Amino acid sequence: MLLLLGEEDIHVNVQETEQVYRKEISPSSLLTVKVFANTEHSMLDVQAADSPLRALFISLFAPRQITVDGYMEEIEQFLKKLP
């Protein structure tokens, strides 16, 4: 299981969420957790999330950069490790 969290998420208590997953997922080796700094719930950096116009321009002119650096790579690496 892959748990990706944004450090600045106002919708989810990041620490509590991670604690619950670590408690409930057994064995712990089945859980991969990554917390992205300066990132909110939708995996946008806080600056883009706080500016709808900025987010619109990024999505139009650089759609592959709409999420924070490393987000897509984390998913790709996780999927490559699956049997």
N, C-alpha and C. Protein backbone atom coordinates (compact mmCIF):
# COMPACT_ATOMS: atom_id res chain seq x y z
N MET A 1 0.84 -1.16 0.00
CA MET A 1 0.00 0.00 0.00
C MET A 1 0.89 1.23 0.00
N LEU A 2 0.51 2.19 -0.82
CA LEU A 2 1.26 3.45 -0.92
C LEU A 2 0.41 4.57 -0.33
N LEU A 3 0.94 5.25 0.66
CA LEU A 3 0.26 6.38 1.29
C LEU A 3 1.06 7.63 0.98
N LEU A 4 0.47 8.52 0.19
CA LEU A 4 1.10 9.79 -0.16
C LEU A 4 0.33 10.91 0.50
N LEU A 5 1.05 11.75 1.23
CA LEU A 5 0.42 12.81 2.01
C LEU A 5 1.08 14.15 1.73
N GLY A 6 0.27 15.20 1.77
CA GLY A 6 0.78 16.55 1.66
C GLY A 6 0.92 17.16 3.04
N GLU A 7 2.09 17.64 3.35
CA GLU A 7 2.39 18.17 4.68
C GLU A 7 1.46 19.32 5.08
N GLU A 8 0.98 20.08 4.11
CA GLU A 8 0.13 21.24 4.38
C GLU A 8 -1.35 20.95 4.12
N ASP A 9 -1.74 19.71 4.19
CA ASP A 9 -3.12 19.30 3.93
C ASP A 9 -4.04 19.83 5.04
N ILE A 10 -5.05 20.62 4.65
CA ILE A 10 -5.99 21.14 5.65
C ILE A 10 -7.21 20.24 5.81
N HIS A 11 -7.32 19.21 4.96
CA HIS A 11 -8.46 18.31 5.01
C HIS A 11 -8.18 17.02 5.79
N VAL A 12 -6.92 16.70 5.94
CA VAL A 12 -6.51 15.45 6.58
C VAL A 12 -5.44 15.75 7.62
N ASN A 13 -5.57 15.17 8.79
CA ASN A 13 -4.52 15.28 9.79
C ASN A 13 -3.42 14.29 9.38
N VAL A 14 -2.35 14.82 8.85
CA VAL A 14 -1.29 14.00 8.25
C VAL A 14 -0.67 13.05 9.26
N GLN A 15 -0.32 13.56 10.43
CA GLN A 15 0.32 12.71 11.44
C GLN A 15 -0.62 11.59 11.90
N GLU A 16 -1.85 11.94 12.16
CA GLU A 16 -2.82 10.94 12.61
C GLU A 16 -3.08 9.90 11.53
N THR A 17 -3.21 10.34 10.30
CA THR A 17 -3.45 9.42 9.19
C THR A 17 -2.30 8.42 9.07
N GLU A 18 -1.08 8.92 9.11
CA GLU A 18 0.07 8.03 9.03
C GLU A 18 0.10 7.05 10.20
N GLN A 19 -0.20 7.51 11.39
CA GLN A 19 -0.21 6.63 12.56
C GLN A 19 -1.24 5.52 12.41
N VAL A 20 -2.43 5.87 11.93
CA VAL A 20 -3.48 4.86 11.75
C VAL A 20 -3.05 3.83 10.73
N TYR A 21 -2.51 4.27 9.60
CA TYR A 21 -2.06 3.32 8.58
C TYR A 21 -0.96 2.42 9.12
N ARG A 22 0.00 3.00 9.85
CA ARG A 22 1.10 2.19 10.40
C ARG A 22 0.56 1.17 11.41
N LYS A 23 -0.47 1.53 12.13
CA LYS A 23 -1.06 0.61 13.12
C LYS A 23 -1.85 -0.51 12.44
N GLU A 24 -2.59 -0.18 11.38
CA GLU A 24 -3.53 -1.12 10.78
C GLU A 24 -2.92 -2.01 9.70
N ILE A 25 -1.87 -1.57 9.04
CA ILE A 25 -1.27 -2.35 7.95
C ILE A 25 -0.22 -3.28 8.54
N SER A 26 -0.45 -4.56 8.34
CA SER A 26 0.47 -5.57 8.87
C SER A 26 0.69 -6.65 7.83
N PRO A 27 1.91 -7.03 7.60
CA PRO A 27 3.15 -6.53 8.19
C PRO A 27 3.48 -5.12 7.68
N SER A 28 4.26 -4.41 8.45
CA SER A 28 4.59 -3.02 8.13
C SER A 28 5.33 -2.89 6.79
N SER A 29 5.95 -3.96 6.35
CA SER A 29 6.67 -3.92 5.08
C SER A 29 5.72 -3.72 3.89
N LEU A 30 4.42 -3.91 4.11
CA LEU A 30 3.44 -3.70 3.04
C LEU A 30 3.09 -2.23 2.83
N LEU A 31 3.55 -1.36 3.73
CA LEU A 31 3.19 0.05 3.67
C LEU A 31 4.39 0.91 3.30
N THR A 32 4.19 1.75 2.32
CA THR A 32 5.17 2.77 1.95
C THR A 32 4.51 4.12 2.17
N VAL A 33 5.19 5.00 2.90
CA VAL A 33 4.64 6.32 3.22
C VAL A 33 5.59 7.39 2.70
N LYS A 34 5.03 8.38 2.05
CA LYS A 34 5.81 9.54 1.61
C LYS A 34 5.00 10.78 1.94
N VAL A 35 5.62 11.72 2.66
CA VAL A 35 5.00 13.00 2.98
C VAL A 35 5.74 14.07 2.19
N PHE A 36 5.01 14.83 1.39
CA PHE A 36 5.60 15.88 0.57
C PHE A 36 5.51 17.22 1.28
N ALA A 37 6.64 17.88 1.43
CA ALA A 37 6.69 19.19 2.07
C ALA A 37 6.03 20.23 1.17
N ASN A 38 5.49 21.28 1.80
CA ASN A 38 4.91 22.40 1.07
C ASN A 38 3.84 21.96 0.07
N THR A 39 3.07 20.93 0.44
CA THR A 39 2.09 20.33 -0.46
C THR A 39 0.75 20.21 0.25
N GLU A 40 -0.33 20.46 -0.53
CA GLU A 40 -1.64 20.35 0.07
C GLU A 40 -2.36 19.09 -0.42
N HIS A 41 -3.64 18.99 -0.14
CA HIS A 41 -4.39 17.76 -0.32
C HIS A 41 -4.36 17.18 -1.74
N SER A 42 -4.44 18.03 -2.73
CA SER A 42 -4.49 17.54 -4.12
C SER A 42 -3.10 17.36 -4.74
N MET A 43 -2.08 17.37 -3.91
CA MET A 43 -0.69 17.19 -4.32
C MET A 43 -0.18 18.33 -5.20
N LEU A 44 -0.77 19.51 -4.99
CA LEU A 44 -0.25 20.74 -5.58
C LEU A 44 0.62 21.41 -4.55
N ASP A 45 1.66 22.13 -5.02
CA ASP A 45 2.40 22.91 -4.03
C ASP A 45 1.47 24.01 -3.53
N VAL A 46 1.74 24.50 -2.34
CA VAL A 46 0.85 25.44 -1.68
C VAL A 46 0.65 26.70 -2.51
N GLN A 47 1.70 27.18 -3.18
CA GLN A 47 1.57 28.39 -4.00
C GLN A 47 0.57 28.19 -5.13
N ALA A 48 0.61 27.06 -5.81
CA ALA A 48 -0.34 26.80 -6.89
C ALA A 48 -1.74 26.60 -6.35
N ALA A 49 -1.85 25.92 -5.23
CA ALA A 49 -3.16 25.67 -4.64
C ALA A 49 -3.83 26.96 -4.17
N ASP A 50 -3.01 27.91 -3.71
CA ASP A 50 -3.54 29.18 -3.22
C ASP A 50 -3.87 30.17 -4.35
N SER A 51 -3.49 29.83 -5.58
CA SER A 51 -3.73 30.73 -6.70
C SER A 51 -4.40 29.96 -7.85
N PRO A 52 -5.71 30.04 -7.94
CA PRO A 52 -6.41 29.33 -9.03
C PRO A 52 -5.88 29.72 -10.42
N LEU A 53 -5.49 30.97 -10.58
CA LEU A 53 -4.95 31.41 -11.87
C LEU A 53 -3.62 30.72 -12.17
N ARG A 54 -2.76 30.67 -11.17
CA ARG A 54 -1.47 29.99 -11.34
C ARG A 54 -1.68 28.51 -11.66
N ALA A 55 -2.57 27.87 -10.92
CA ALA A 55 -2.86 26.45 -11.17
C ALA A 55 -3.41 26.24 -12.58
N LEU A 56 -4.25 27.16 -13.03
CA LEU A 56 -4.80 27.06 -14.39
C LEU A 56 -3.69 27.16 -15.42
N PHE A 57 -2.79 28.13 -15.28
CA PHE A 57 -1.70 28.29 -16.24
C PHE A 57 -0.79 27.07 -16.26
N ILE A 58 -0.49 26.54 -15.09
CA ILE A 58 0.36 25.33 -15.04
C ILE A 58 -0.35 24.17 -15.75
N SER A 59 -1.63 24.00 -15.46
CA SER A 59 -2.35 22.87 -16.07
C SER A 59 -2.48 23.03 -17.58
N LEU A 60 -2.54 24.26 -18.07
CA LEU A 60 -2.64 24.49 -19.51
C LEU A 60 -1.31 24.38 -20.22
N PHE A 61 -0.25 24.97 -19.63
CA PHE A 61 1.01 25.09 -20.34
C PHE A 61 2.10 24.12 -19.88
N ALA A 62 1.93 23.51 -18.73
CA ALA A 62 2.91 22.54 -18.23
C ALA A 62 2.18 21.49 -17.39
N PRO A 63 1.23 20.78 -17.99
CA PRO A 63 0.38 19.87 -17.20
C PRO A 63 1.14 18.80 -16.43
N ARG A 64 2.30 18.42 -16.90
CA ARG A 64 3.07 17.40 -16.17
C ARG A 64 3.73 17.94 -14.93
N GLN A 65 3.70 19.25 -14.75
CA GLN A 65 4.27 19.88 -13.55
C GLN A 65 3.19 20.33 -12.57
N ILE A 66 1.95 19.97 -12.79
CA ILE A 66 0.88 20.44 -11.91
C ILE A 66 1.01 19.86 -10.49
N THR A 67 1.47 18.64 -10.38
CA THR A 67 1.68 18.07 -9.04
C THR A 67 3.10 18.37 -8.57
N VAL A 68 3.34 18.22 -7.29
CA VAL A 68 4.66 18.52 -6.72
C VAL A 68 5.72 17.58 -7.28
N ASP A 69 6.95 18.07 -7.29
CA ASP A 69 8.07 17.26 -7.76
C ASP A 69 8.16 15.97 -6.95
N GLY A 70 8.32 14.88 -7.64
CA GLY A 70 8.50 13.59 -7.00
C GLY A 70 7.22 12.78 -6.83
N TYR A 71 6.07 13.41 -6.98
CA TYR A 71 4.80 12.71 -6.77
C TYR A 71 4.61 11.56 -7.76
N MET A 72 4.70 11.87 -9.03
CA MET A 72 4.50 10.84 -10.05
C MET A 72 5.61 9.78 -9.99
N GLU A 73 6.81 10.21 -9.65
CA GLU A 73 7.93 9.26 -9.54
C GLU A 73 7.71 8.27 -8.40
N GLU A 74 7.15 8.74 -7.29
CA GLU A 74 6.85 7.84 -6.16
C GLU A 74 5.86 6.76 -6.59
N ILE A 75 4.84 7.17 -7.33
CA ILE A 75 3.85 6.20 -7.81
C ILE A 75 4.50 5.22 -8.77
N GLU A 76 5.30 5.73 -9.69
CA GLU A 76 5.96 4.87 -10.68
C GLU A 76 6.89 3.86 -10.00
N GLN A 77 7.69 4.33 -9.05
CA GLN A 77 8.61 3.42 -8.34
C GLN A 77 7.84 2.35 -7.57
N PHE A 78 6.76 2.75 -6.93
CA PHE A 78 5.95 1.80 -6.17
C PHE A 78 5.38 0.72 -7.10
N LEU A 79 4.84 1.14 -8.24
CA LEU A 79 4.25 0.19 -9.18
C LEU A 79 5.29 -0.75 -9.78
N LYS A 80 6.49 -0.27 -9.99
CA LYS A 80 7.55 -1.12 -10.55
C LYS A 80 7.96 -2.22 -9.57
N LYS A 81 7.78 -1.97 -8.29
CA LYS A 81 8.14 -2.97 -7.28
C LYS A 81 7.09 -4.05 -7.09
N LEU A 82 5.90 -3.85 -7.63
CA LEU A 82 4.84 -4.84 -7.47
C LEU A 82 5.17 -6.10 -8.25
N PRO A 83 4.78 -7.26 -7.70
CA PRO A 83 5.07 -8.52 -8.41
C PRO A 83 4.23 -8.66 -9.68
